[in-house]
Amino acid sequence: MLALLLGTAAGCTVTPPPKPLFSLPATAPSQRLDTAALEQYRQRVAQRILERSPSSVLHGTPQAMLRSVVVVAFTVDGNGQIVSSSVYRSNGDSGAERIALAALRRAAPLPQPPPDLLDGRGHLELLEDWLFNNNGKFQLREFALPQATTID
């Protein structure tokens, strides 16, 4: 019986959890990441993006079946300058990807992040989701309304 258990266990593999894609700022053991400050900063960034792209913003309820969801990864320095940006996830809608990246660029410089959110290089890495309707207008996940429940 023991041989059967050992043989079964030998055939199993253990997959370690994936490494995080984005690192949180390094903090001393006595400090904790201020998640409230991070959330407030994310909202300020989203608000800036919306303010700088008013003609692209979807007002009202997003449709039930979105045209596209584009997740953009970007890095901000301590002055609010965008150091890098790229499409992190998409359904391949290149038009929506271009709109999302252009909206981010128009928003620069972004608000200055709180210093305690910066990593050792003085940067903060963020993700934001752009939710697109068929008409090419978007909402950001930070402020998105619930989607419609029926397909028109």
Protein backbone atom coordinates (compact mmCIF):
# COMPACT_ATOMS: atom_id res chain seq x y z
CA MET A 1 0.00 0.00 0.00
CA LEU A 2 2.83 2.40 0.87
CA ALA A 3 4.47 1.70 -2.48
CA LEU A 4 1.21 2.56 -4.24
CA LEU A 5 0.94 5.87 -2.36
CA LEU A 6 4.58 6.76 -3.07
CA GLY A 7 4.17 5.86 -6.73
CA THR A 8 1.06 8.01 -6.98
CA ALA A 9 2.73 10.94 -5.22
CA ALA A 10 5.79 10.66 -7.48
CA GLY A 11 3.56 11.20 -10.52
CA CYS A 12 2.11 14.43 -9.12
CA THR A 13 3.59 17.76 -9.87
CA VAL A 14 3.38 20.88 -7.82
CA THR A 15 3.18 24.13 -9.71
CA PRO A 16 4.39 27.11 -7.71
CA PRO A 17 2.19 30.20 -7.79
CA PRO A 18 3.04 32.65 -10.56
CA LYS A 19 5.33 35.55 -9.79
CA PRO A 20 3.52 38.86 -9.49
CA LEU A 21 3.51 40.88 -12.69
CA PHE A 22 3.89 44.16 -10.86
CA SER A 23 5.81 44.74 -7.71
CA LEU A 24 4.48 46.77 -4.87
CA PRO A 25 6.67 49.49 -3.43
CA ALA A 26 9.32 48.16 -1.07
CA THR A 27 8.48 49.00 2.50
CA ALA A 28 10.28 48.55 5.76
CA PRO A 29 8.91 45.72 7.91
CA SER A 30 7.29 48.29 10.19
CA GLN A 31 5.49 50.00 7.28
CA ARG A 32 2.46 48.77 5.40
CA LEU A 33 1.39 49.71 1.92
CA ASP A 34 -1.30 52.32 2.23
CA THR A 35 -3.99 50.71 0.10
CA ALA A 36 -6.35 53.62 0.70
CA ALA A 37 -3.72 56.02 -0.69
CA LEU A 38 -3.17 53.74 -3.69
CA GLU A 39 -6.91 53.58 -4.41
CA GLN A 40 -7.24 57.36 -4.06
CA TYR A 41 -4.34 57.85 -6.46
CA ARG A 42 -5.82 55.40 -8.98
CA GLN A 43 -9.07 57.39 -8.88
CA ARG A 44 -7.22 60.67 -9.42
CA VAL A 45 -5.42 59.18 -12.43
CA ALA A 46 -8.67 57.83 -13.89
CA GLN A 47 -10.34 61.22 -13.39
CA ARG A 48 -7.46 62.95 -15.22
CA ILE A 49 -7.75 60.52 -18.13
CA LEU A 50 -11.49 61.15 -18.40
CA GLU A 51 -11.06 64.94 -18.18
CA ARG A 52 -8.49 64.96 -20.99
CA SER A 53 -10.57 62.79 -23.37
CA PRO A 54 -14.14 64.08 -22.94
CA SER A 55 -15.26 63.29 -26.50
CA SER A 56 -14.24 59.63 -26.05
CA VAL A 57 -15.99 59.05 -22.73
CA LEU A 58 -19.15 56.94 -22.65
CA HIS A 59 -21.88 58.52 -20.56
CA GLY A 60 -24.58 56.21 -19.26
CA THR A 61 -24.85 52.45 -19.11
CA PRO A 62 -22.30 50.35 -21.02
CA GLN A 63 -23.86 47.84 -23.40
CA ALA A 64 -24.27 44.23 -22.25
CA MET A 65 -21.72 42.83 -24.72
CA LEU A 66 -18.80 45.22 -24.78
CA ARG A 67 -16.90 45.77 -28.01
CA SER A 68 -13.61 45.49 -26.19
CA VAL A 69 -11.87 45.57 -22.84
CA VAL A 70 -8.34 46.92 -23.03
CA VAL A 71 -6.07 46.69 -20.01
CA VAL A 72 -3.16 49.13 -20.12
CA ALA A 73 -0.09 48.75 -17.92
CA PHE A 74 1.83 51.93 -17.26
CA THR A 75 4.58 53.25 -15.05
CA VAL A 76 4.53 56.71 -13.50
CA ASP A 77 7.50 58.51 -11.96
CA GLY A 78 7.40 60.71 -8.86
CA ASN A 79 6.52 63.76 -10.96
CA GLY A 80 3.54 62.09 -12.62
CA GLN A 81 5.34 61.57 -15.93
CA ILE A 82 4.47 58.37 -17.78
CA VAL A 83 7.70 56.40 -18.04
CA SER A 84 6.24 53.53 -20.05
CA SER A 85 2.89 52.20 -21.20
CA SER A 86 1.69 49.18 -23.12
CA VAL A 87 -1.38 47.08 -23.76
CA TYR A 88 -1.36 44.39 -21.10
CA ARG A 89 -4.50 42.54 -22.22
CA SER A 90 -6.93 42.97 -25.09
CA ASN A 91 -9.23 41.07 -27.39
CA GLY A 92 -7.14 42.24 -30.34
CA ASP A 93 -9.20 45.32 -31.18
CA SER A 94 -6.37 47.53 -32.43
CA GLY A 95 -8.64 50.57 -32.74
CA ALA A 96 -9.66 50.35 -29.08
CA GLU A 97 -6.03 49.78 -28.08
CA ARG A 98 -4.97 52.95 -29.92
CA ILE A 99 -7.76 54.97 -28.29
CA ALA A 100 -6.80 53.73 -24.80
CA LEU A 101 -3.09 54.47 -25.23
CA ALA A 102 -3.82 57.88 -26.78
CA ALA A 103 -6.16 58.77 -23.88
CA LEU A 104 -3.41 57.89 -21.42
CA ARG A 105 -0.86 60.02 -23.31
CA ARG A 106 -3.27 62.98 -23.43
CA ALA A 107 -3.66 62.78 -19.65
CA ALA A 108 0.07 63.31 -19.05
CA PRO A 109 1.43 64.49 -16.84
CA LEU A 110 -0.61 62.53 -14.35
CA PRO A 111 -1.05 63.67 -10.76
CA GLN A 112 2.05 63.17 -8.67
CA PRO A 113 1.81 59.90 -6.73
CA PRO A 114 2.32 59.97 -2.98
CA PRO A 115 6.02 59.33 -2.29
CA ASP A 116 5.29 56.32 -0.07
CA LEU A 117 3.74 54.50 -3.08
CA LEU A 118 6.91 54.73 -5.16
CA ASP A 119 9.26 51.78 -5.52
CA GLY A 120 13.03 51.93 -5.06
CA ARG A 121 13.46 53.49 -8.53
CA GLY A 122 10.93 56.22 -7.77
CA HIS A 123 8.23 54.64 -9.95
CA LEU A 124 4.72 53.31 -9.50
CA GLU A 125 3.32 50.60 -11.78
CA LEU A 126 -0.42 50.62 -12.44
CA LEU A 127 -3.08 48.90 -14.53
CA GLU A 128 -6.29 50.46 -15.81
CA ASP A 129 -9.16 48.88 -17.74
CA TRP A 130 -10.84 50.66 -20.65
CA LEU A 131 -14.35 49.32 -21.35
CA PHE A 132 -15.49 50.05 -24.93
CA ASN A 133 -18.98 50.17 -26.42
CA ASN A 134 -19.48 49.51 -30.13
CA ASN A 135 -19.41 53.27 -30.82
CA GLY A 136 -15.75 53.48 -29.69
CA LYS A 137 -16.53 55.38 -26.50
CA PHE A 138 -15.16 54.09 -23.20
CA GLN A 139 -15.53 54.08 -19.46
CA LEU A 140 -12.68 53.33 -17.08
CA ARG A 141 -13.16 50.49 -14.62
CA GLU A 142 -12.53 52.93 -11.73
CA PHE A 143 -15.78 54.78 -12.53
CA ALA A 144 -17.67 52.34 -14.77
CA LEU A 145 -21.40 51.94 -14.35
CA PRO A 146 -22.92 48.44 -14.30
CA GLN A 147 -23.39 47.04 -17.80
CA ALA A 148 -26.80 46.63 -19.37
CA THR A 149 -28.37 43.26 -18.70
CA THR A 150 -30.01 42.77 -22.10
CA ILE A 151 -28.61 42.80 -25.60
CA ASP A 152 -30.43 45.27 -27.81
